[in-house]
Amino acid sequence: MSLFKVYPLNPIAITKAAGSRVWDDKGQEYLDMYGGHAVISIGHTHPHWVKRIEDQLHAIAFYSNSVVMPIQEQLASALNEMSGKKDFQLFLCNSGAEANENALKLASFHTGRKKIVAFKKSFHGRTSLAVAATDNPSIVAPVNETDNIIFLPFNDIAALQAYFATQGKEIAAVIIEGIQGVAGIHEATDEFLQAIRKVCDEFGAVYIADSVQCGYGRSGKFFAHDHAGVNADIYSMAKGMGNGFPIGGILIAPHIQAKFGMLGTTFGGNPLACAAALAVIEVMQKENLIKAAEVMGAYLMNALKNMDGVKVVRGRGLMIGFEMEEGLEDVRKVLLSDLKIFTGEAKPNVIRLLPSLAITKEDIDLFLTGLNKAIQLLKQKKD
């Protein structure tokens, strides 16, 4: 039996990881500046995270959500404290797509409406409703297509207000990433997020803050939306939430009431996932990683802005994208093949950096040295 090939793969088999380093099956070491697509929040195989999961595995790995699970209550309490959303409710699932799927469904239940406002170049997941709200026709199957999603221009307050003025009473929710990741690291302005809050309040729509990639401290605040000084009605989470263990969730404002049967999950909130998520929060608190993301991110972005060959730098905290000058488009390939540094990308020509929030200044300097070497190598080939 062969694998169903849906990703172009680098010919590298990673078999070991620790901190901001990974090793392949030949023993070659790599610097990880991508964090497995923003998933590794506290560093690969952090000892506390490993022990938390091991201890839970020896106690109980799984039971259904038909019984009380104290570890879920512990996670809800820890999340309330960490996020500052102290009166919010928690629904647990397994991934970011599921989180957004449930957020959109819940908004429709709450309002009794069908229309969803999303934005150009958005990415919200690959499940049915989440992918319908994703602005990428190549991954939307015919069965996912719906007239219930409207895509508006990103950061365009006038277009937002104009659409609500005519269709506001039909809109169930607005869903927006605080920082668009797949689109190439584009940040929503504070004014735009504040305008979303205002029209949602005026017309009774639900504000969904997609924080799957830009949440969990990556931006220097727990949610990237917090920089705008507004509260959303629902926050979706995943990626950094489990440091590699599959878990997702939504934080739900108290005015949205639960009813039996409206949402459900078999594996969501299982004890192992909750143990992993608790370990992440405990490490983030102990090591002050949200502040570290802010400080290390500013250091990295400032260095990139002053580097010869780098054209544009965008982002906040440790969610960074940068574009290279003409003729240097292959720098990501050189970083991986020649200098053994993993980075991410966004089409057509953006390098994405999403390292562990625990990355050190020394590792950042190592990356910057490697990037400069890659630029020089490409310039030599060009000449």
Protein backbone atom coordinates (compact mmCIF):
# COMPACT_ATOMS: atom_id res chain seq x y z
CA MET A 1 0.00 0.00 0.00
CA SER A 2 1.29 3.48 -0.87
CA LEU A 3 0.64 6.82 0.81
CA PHE A 4 -1.93 9.16 -0.75
CA LYS A 5 0.42 11.89 -1.93
CA VAL A 6 -1.03 15.30 -1.15
CA TYR A 7 2.15 17.14 -0.11
CA PRO A 8 5.39 17.78 -2.01
CA LEU A 9 7.96 16.28 0.36
CA ASN A 10 11.53 17.22 1.14
CA PRO A 11 13.61 14.03 0.90
CA ILE A 12 14.44 14.18 4.63
CA ALA A 13 13.28 11.73 7.31
CA ILE A 14 13.21 13.47 10.71
CA THR A 15 13.59 10.91 13.50
CA LYS A 16 14.62 12.94 16.56
CA ALA A 17 14.00 16.40 17.99
CA ALA A 18 14.90 18.55 21.00
CA GLY A 19 14.38 22.27 21.62
CA SER A 20 14.88 24.09 18.32
CA ARG A 21 16.82 21.24 16.71
CA VAL A 22 15.78 18.19 14.69
CA TRP A 23 17.85 15.30 13.33
CA ASP A 24 17.31 13.07 10.31
CA ASP A 25 17.79 9.31 10.04
CA LYS A 26 21.43 9.85 9.02
CA GLY A 27 22.22 11.87 12.13
CA GLN A 28 22.28 15.24 10.36
CA GLU A 29 21.27 18.12 12.64
CA TYR A 30 18.97 20.94 11.48
CA LEU A 31 17.91 24.25 13.03
CA ASP A 32 14.11 24.42 13.09
CA MET A 33 12.83 27.93 12.37
CA TYR A 34 9.42 26.64 11.27
CA GLY A 35 8.24 24.74 14.34
CA GLY A 36 6.35 22.16 12.31
CA HIS A 37 4.09 24.91 10.92
CA ALA A 38 3.75 26.95 14.14
CA VAL A 39 2.93 23.85 16.20
CA ILE A 40 6.04 23.65 18.40
CA SER A 41 5.36 26.33 20.98
CA ILE A 42 7.61 25.34 23.89
CA GLY A 43 10.36 23.43 22.05
CA HIS A 44 10.51 19.89 20.73
CA THR A 45 10.19 17.13 23.37
CA HIS A 46 10.29 19.54 26.31
CA PRO A 47 10.98 17.37 29.41
CA HIS A 48 7.96 18.65 31.36
CA TRP A 49 5.67 18.03 28.38
CA VAL A 50 7.02 14.51 27.93
CA LYS A 51 6.57 13.68 31.63
CA ARG A 52 3.03 15.09 31.73
CA ILE A 53 1.98 12.83 28.84
CA GLU A 54 3.85 9.80 30.23
CA ASP A 55 2.23 10.17 33.66
CA GLN A 56 -1.22 10.52 32.10
CA LEU A 57 -0.64 7.49 29.86
CA HIS A 58 0.06 5.36 32.93
CA ALA A 59 -3.18 6.58 34.56
CA ILE A 60 -5.72 6.56 31.69
CA ALA A 61 -5.30 7.38 28.01
CA PHE A 62 -8.92 7.62 26.93
CA TYR A 63 -12.54 7.51 27.91
CA SER A 64 -15.55 9.07 26.19
CA ASN A 65 -17.03 12.47 26.92
CA SER A 66 -19.99 10.77 28.61
CA VAL A 67 -18.30 11.09 32.01
CA VAL A 68 -16.77 13.86 34.10
CA MET A 69 -13.11 14.47 33.27
CA PRO A 70 -11.36 16.59 35.91
CA ILE A 71 -8.39 17.19 33.62
CA GLN A 72 -10.67 19.04 31.20
CA GLU A 73 -11.77 21.32 34.03
CA GLN A 74 -8.12 21.89 34.95
CA LEU A 75 -7.33 22.87 31.37
CA ALA A 76 -10.32 25.23 31.20
CA SER A 77 -9.19 26.93 34.42
CA ALA A 78 -5.60 27.25 33.20
CA LEU A 79 -6.74 28.65 29.84
CA ASN A 80 -9.02 31.19 31.48
CA GLU A 81 -6.14 32.47 33.57
CA MET A 82 -3.59 32.43 30.73
CA SER A 83 -5.81 34.02 28.10
CA GLY A 84 -7.50 36.56 30.35
CA LYS A 85 -10.93 35.46 29.07
CA LYS A 86 -11.98 34.52 32.57
CA ASP A 87 -15.72 34.08 32.05
CA PHE A 88 -15.48 32.26 28.71
CA GLN A 89 -16.44 28.60 28.14
CA LEU A 90 -14.25 25.92 26.53
CA PHE A 91 -15.14 23.32 23.92
CA LEU A 92 -12.34 20.90 23.05
CA CYS A 93 -11.71 19.17 19.72
CA ASN A 94 -8.70 17.84 17.80
CA SER A 95 -7.50 20.37 15.22
CA GLY A 96 -7.69 23.92 13.95
CA ALA A 97 -10.08 23.02 11.15
CA GLU A 98 -12.42 21.39 13.68
CA ALA A 99 -12.15 24.44 15.93
CA ASN A 100 -13.20 26.79 13.13
CA GLU A 101 -15.86 24.35 11.92
CA ASN A 102 -17.43 24.28 15.38
CA ALA A 103 -17.07 28.04 15.81
CA LEU A 104 -18.96 28.73 12.58
CA LYS A 105 -21.61 26.14 13.38
CA LEU A 106 -22.07 27.55 16.88
CA ALA A 107 -22.44 31.09 15.50
CA SER A 108 -25.17 29.88 13.14
CA PHE A 109 -26.97 28.08 15.98
CA HIS A 110 -26.73 31.17 18.18
CA THR A 111 -28.02 33.67 15.60
CA GLY A 112 -30.31 31.45 13.54
CA ARG A 113 -28.61 32.87 10.43
CA LYS A 114 -26.63 31.38 7.52
CA LYS A 115 -24.33 34.05 6.07
CA ILE A 116 -20.62 34.18 7.00
CA VAL A 117 -18.21 37.03 6.25
CA ALA A 118 -14.63 35.94 5.58
CA PHE A 119 -11.78 37.79 3.89
CA LYS A 120 -9.64 37.61 0.79
CA LYS A 121 -6.58 35.32 1.13
CA SER A 122 -7.97 33.77 4.32
CA PHE A 123 -7.21 30.22 5.42
CA HIS A 124 -9.43 28.57 8.04
CA GLY A 125 -8.98 24.84 7.45
CA ARG A 126 -9.89 21.97 5.16
CA THR A 127 -13.11 20.58 6.62
CA SER A 128 -16.43 21.38 4.96
CA LEU A 129 -17.42 24.77 6.35
CA ALA A 130 -13.89 25.85 7.30
CA VAL A 131 -12.65 25.30 3.74
CA ALA A 132 -15.71 27.04 2.30
CA ALA A 133 -14.59 30.10 4.29
CA THR A 134 -11.03 29.73 2.93
CA ASP A 135 -10.15 31.89 -0.07
CA ASN A 136 -8.41 29.21 -2.14
CA PRO A 137 -10.63 27.65 -4.85
CA SER A 138 -8.06 24.91 -5.55
CA ILE A 139 -8.80 23.20 -2.21
CA VAL A 140 -12.58 23.75 -2.22
CA ALA A 141 -14.34 20.65 -3.60
CA PRO A 142 -17.65 21.11 -5.44
CA VAL A 143 -19.53 19.73 -2.43
CA ASN A 144 -17.99 22.46 -0.24
CA GLU A 145 -19.16 25.34 -2.43
CA THR A 146 -21.87 27.50 -0.87
CA ASP A 147 -23.44 30.90 -1.40
CA ASN A 148 -23.44 31.43 2.36
CA ILE A 149 -19.84 32.71 2.43
CA ILE A 150 -18.94 36.21 1.28
CA PHE A 151 -15.29 37.24 0.91
CA LEU A 152 -14.54 40.90 1.58
CA PRO A 153 -11.23 42.74 1.12
CA PHE A 154 -8.86 42.39 4.09
CA ASN A 155 -8.36 45.56 6.15
CA ASP A 156 -11.01 47.47 4.15
CA ILE A 157 -13.30 49.12 6.71
CA ALA A 158 -15.47 50.84 4.10
CA ALA A 159 -16.23 47.56 2.31
CA LEU A 160 -17.06 45.89 5.63
CA GLN A 161 -19.42 48.66 6.68
CA ALA A 162 -21.08 48.81 3.27
CA TYR A 163 -21.80 45.08 3.24
CA PHE A 164 -23.24 45.11 6.74
CA ALA A 165 -25.39 48.12 5.89
CA THR A 166 -27.24 46.05 3.27
CA GLN A 167 -26.90 42.47 4.57
CA GLY A 168 -26.26 42.84 8.30
CA LYS A 169 -29.43 41.10 9.49
CA GLU A 170 -28.50 37.97 7.48
CA ILE A 171 -24.95 37.60 8.82
CA ALA A 172 -24.28 34.94 11.44
CA ALA A 173 -20.57 35.64 11.91
CA VAL A 174 -17.40 37.33 10.79
CA ILE A 175 -14.32 35.09 10.90
CA ILE A 176 -10.85 36.61 10.67
CA GLU A 177 -7.24 35.69 11.39
CA GLY A 178 -5.48 38.28 13.52
CA ILE A 179 -2.46 37.66 11.30
CA GLN A 180 -3.02 35.83 8.02
CA GLY A 181 -0.43 33.05 7.94
CA VAL A 182 -0.87 31.05 4.74
CA ALA A 183 -1.43 34.31 2.84
CA GLY A 184 2.12 35.42 3.72
CA ILE A 185 1.96 37.05 7.19
CA HIS A 186 -0.45 39.95 6.77
CA GLU A 187 -1.64 41.58 9.99
CA ALA A 188 -5.16 42.88 10.52
CA THR A 189 -5.01 46.50 11.63
CA ASP A 190 -6.31 47.45 15.06
CA GLU A 191 -8.83 49.76 13.41
CA PHE A 192 -10.16 46.95 11.21
CA LEU A 193 -10.64 44.54 14.12
CA GLN A 194 -12.33 47.31 16.10
CA ALA A 195 -14.64 47.98 13.15
CA ILE A 196 -15.55 44.28 13.03
CA ARG A 197 -16.43 44.36 16.71
CA LYS A 198 -18.61 47.43 16.15
CA VAL A 199 -20.65 46.04 13.22
CA CYS A 200 -21.05 42.66 14.94
CA ASP A 201 -22.46 44.44 17.99
CA GLU A 202 -24.73 46.61 15.87
CA PHE A 203 -26.21 43.75 13.83
CA GLY A 204 -26.07 40.88 16.32
CA ALA A 205 -23.40 38.87 14.47
CA VAL A 206 -20.72 36.73 16.12
CA TYR A 207 -17.06 37.82 15.93
CA ILE A 208 -14.87 34.74 15.49
CA ALA A 209 -11.15 35.28 16.08
CA ASP A 210 -9.28 32.56 14.19
CA SER A 211 -6.25 32.16 16.45
CA VAL A 212 -5.18 28.73 15.25
CA GLN A 213 -1.80 29.96 14.00
CA CYS A 214 -1.53 33.49 15.42
CA GLY A 215 -2.69 32.58 18.93
CA TYR A 216 -1.13 30.90 21.94
CA GLY A 217 1.38 33.67 22.57
CA ARG A 218 3.01 33.68 19.15
CA SER A 219 2.34 37.38 18.53
CA GLY A 220 3.55 38.56 21.93
CA LYS A 221 0.03 38.45 23.39
CA PHE A 222 -2.01 35.32 24.01
CA PHE A 223 -4.27 36.09 21.03
CA ALA A 224 -3.08 38.30 18.16
CA HIS A 225 -6.53 39.95 18.26
CA ASP A 226 -5.72 41.25 21.76
CA HIS A 227 -3.39 43.86 20.25
CA ALA A 228 -6.51 45.69 19.00
CA GLY A 229 -7.99 45.93 22.50
CA VAL A 230 -11.24 44.18 21.60
CA ASN A 231 -12.84 40.92 22.71
CA ALA A 232 -14.14 38.43 20.18
CA ASP A 233 -17.15 36.21 20.88
CA ILE A 234 -15.35 32.98 19.93
CA TYR A 235 -11.63 32.25 19.73
CA SER A 236 -10.41 29.18 17.84
CA MET A 237 -7.16 27.51 18.91
CA ALA A 238 -4.95 24.56 17.92
CA LYS A 239 -1.33 24.30 16.61
CA GLY A 240 0.77 25.57 19.56
CA MET A 241 -1.88 24.39 22.03
CA GLY A 242 -0.46 20.86 22.32
CA ASN A 243 3.16 21.34 21.16
CA GLY A 244 2.65 18.54 18.65
CA PHE A 245 -0.04 16.51 20.38
CA PRO A 246 -3.28 16.92 18.38
CA ILE A 247 -5.70 19.20 20.20
CA GLY A 248 -7.89 22.15 19.31
CA GLY A 249 -10.56 24.17 21.00
CA ILE A 250 -12.79 27.21 21.03
CA LEU A 251 -13.22 29.75 23.81
CA ILE A 252 -16.85 30.90 23.85
CA ALA A 253 -18.24 34.11 25.37
CA PRO A 254 -20.75 33.64 28.21
CA HIS A 255 -23.69 35.11 26.28
CA ILE A 256 -23.58 32.16 23.85
CA GLN A 257 -25.51 29.40 25.56
CA ALA A 258 -24.83 25.67 25.24
CA LYS A 259 -27.53 23.10 24.47
CA PHE A 260 -27.14 19.36 24.68
CA GLY A 261 -26.26 17.86 21.31
CA MET A 262 -25.42 21.06 19.44
CA LEU A 263 -21.68 20.19 19.36
CA GLY A 264 -19.96 16.88 19.95
CA THR A 265 -16.70 14.99 19.65
CA THR A 266 -15.33 11.52 20.36
CA PHE A 267 -11.63 12.23 20.79
CA GLY A 268 -11.77 15.94 21.66
CA GLY A 269 -10.54 16.70 25.16
CA ASN A 270 -9.14 13.23 25.74
CA PRO A 271 -6.88 12.92 28.81
CA LEU A 272 -3.62 12.67 26.87
CA ALA A 273 -4.41 15.78 24.82
CA CYS A 274 -5.39 17.71 27.95
CA ALA A 275 -2.17 16.64 29.69
CA ALA A 276 -0.14 17.89 26.73
CA ALA A 277 -2.05 21.19 26.67
CA LEU A 278 -1.64 21.71 30.42
CA ALA A 279 2.09 21.09 30.09
CA VAL A 280 2.29 23.76 27.38
CA ILE A 281 0.57 26.35 29.58
CA GLU A 282 2.71 25.44 32.60
CA VAL A 283 5.93 25.81 30.61
CA MET A 284 4.75 29.05 28.99
CA GLN A 285 4.05 30.51 32.43
CA LYS A 286 7.23 29.26 34.07
CA GLU A 287 9.51 30.35 31.21
CA ASN A 288 7.58 33.57 30.43
CA LEU A 289 7.36 32.57 26.77
CA ILE A 290 4.79 35.13 25.63
CA LYS A 291 7.14 37.93 26.63
CA ALA A 292 10.01 35.98 25.08
CA ALA A 293 8.09 35.82 21.78
CA GLU A 294 7.69 39.59 21.83
CA VAL A 295 11.36 40.27 22.64
CA MET A 296 12.94 37.64 20.39
CA GLY A 297 10.54 38.47 17.58
CA ALA A 298 11.45 42.16 17.68
CA TYR A 299 15.15 41.27 17.67
CA LEU A 300 14.74 38.95 14.68
CA MET A 301 12.58 41.36 12.68
CA ASN A 302 14.94 44.29 13.26
CA ALA A 303 17.87 42.20 12.07
CA LEU A 304 15.99 41.08 8.96
CA LYS A 305 15.01 44.65 8.09
CA ASN A 306 18.69 45.61 8.10
CA MET A 307 19.94 42.62 6.10
CA ASP A 308 21.19 43.08 2.56
CA GLY A 309 18.95 41.22 0.11
CA VAL A 310 15.78 41.25 2.23
CA LYS A 311 13.11 43.40 0.59
CA VAL A 312 10.05 43.32 2.88
CA VAL A 313 9.56 42.12 6.48
CA ARG A 314 6.12 41.59 8.05
CA GLY A 315 4.77 40.12 11.25
CA ARG A 316 4.59 40.41 15.00
CA GLY A 317 6.30 38.41 17.72
CA LEU A 318 7.53 35.09 16.36
CA MET A 319 5.16 35.03 13.39
CA ILE A 320 7.31 36.57 10.68
CA GLY A 321 7.31 36.66 6.90
CA PHE A 322 9.89 38.24 4.62
CA GLU A 323 10.44 38.61 0.89
CA MET A 324 13.76 38.54 -0.91
CA GLU A 325 15.04 40.86 -3.62
CA GLU A 326 14.90 39.74 -7.24
CA GLY A 327 17.31 36.91 -8.01
CA LEU A 328 17.29 35.58 -4.43
CA GLU A 329 14.04 33.62 -4.62
CA ASP A 330 15.83 30.30 -4.00
CA VAL A 331 17.20 31.32 -0.60
CA ARG A 332 14.85 28.95 1.25
CA LYS A 333 16.13 25.99 -0.76
CA VAL A 334 19.73 26.95 -0.04
CA LEU A 335 18.99 27.34 3.67
CA LEU A 336 17.69 23.78 3.82
CA SER A 337 20.03 21.96 1.44
CA ASP A 338 23.30 23.74 2.18
CA LEU A 339 22.90 25.18 5.67
CA LYS A 340 20.47 22.69 7.27
CA ILE A 341 17.89 25.24 8.39
CA PHE A 342 14.15 24.62 8.14
CA THR A 343 11.90 27.56 7.25
CA GLY A 344 8.38 27.82 5.86
CA GLU A 345 6.96 29.55 2.81
CA ALA A 346 3.91 31.28 1.41
CA LYS A 347 3.26 31.71 -2.29
CA PRO A 348 4.56 33.28 -4.35
CA ASN A 349 7.74 34.43 -2.62
CA VAL A 350 7.48 34.71 1.16
CA ILE A 351 9.66 32.90 3.69
CA ARG A 352 7.78 32.24 6.92
CA LEU A 353 9.43 31.95 10.33
CA LEU A 354 7.37 30.24 13.06
CA PRO A 355 9.94 28.91 15.54
CA SER A 356 9.40 27.72 19.09
CA LEU A 357 8.56 30.55 21.48
CA ALA A 358 11.48 29.26 23.54
CA ILE A 359 14.04 29.87 20.79
CA THR A 360 17.24 31.46 22.07
CA LYS A 361 19.09 34.53 20.83
CA GLU A 362 21.98 32.23 19.95
CA ASP A 363 19.78 30.18 17.65
CA ILE A 364 18.35 33.32 16.06
CA ASP A 365 21.89 34.57 15.44
CA LEU A 366 22.74 31.19 13.92
CA PHE A 367 19.78 31.56 11.56
CA LEU A 368 20.76 35.12 10.62
CA THR A 369 24.32 34.02 9.87
CA GLY A 370 22.96 31.17 7.76
CA LEU A 371 20.59 33.48 5.88
CA ASN A 372 23.42 35.87 5.10
CA LYS A 373 25.52 32.95 3.82
CA ALA A 374 22.65 31.75 1.65
CA ILE A 375 22.25 35.24 0.17
CA GLN A 376 25.96 35.45 -0.60
CA LEU A 377 25.93 32.00 -2.23
CA LEU A 378 23.05 33.00 -4.51
CA LYS A 379 24.70 36.28 -5.39
CA GLN A 380 27.88 34.44 -6.35
CA LYS A 381 25.92 32.10 -8.62
CA LYS A 382 24.10 35.07 -10.13
CA ASP A 383 27.37 36.87 -10.89
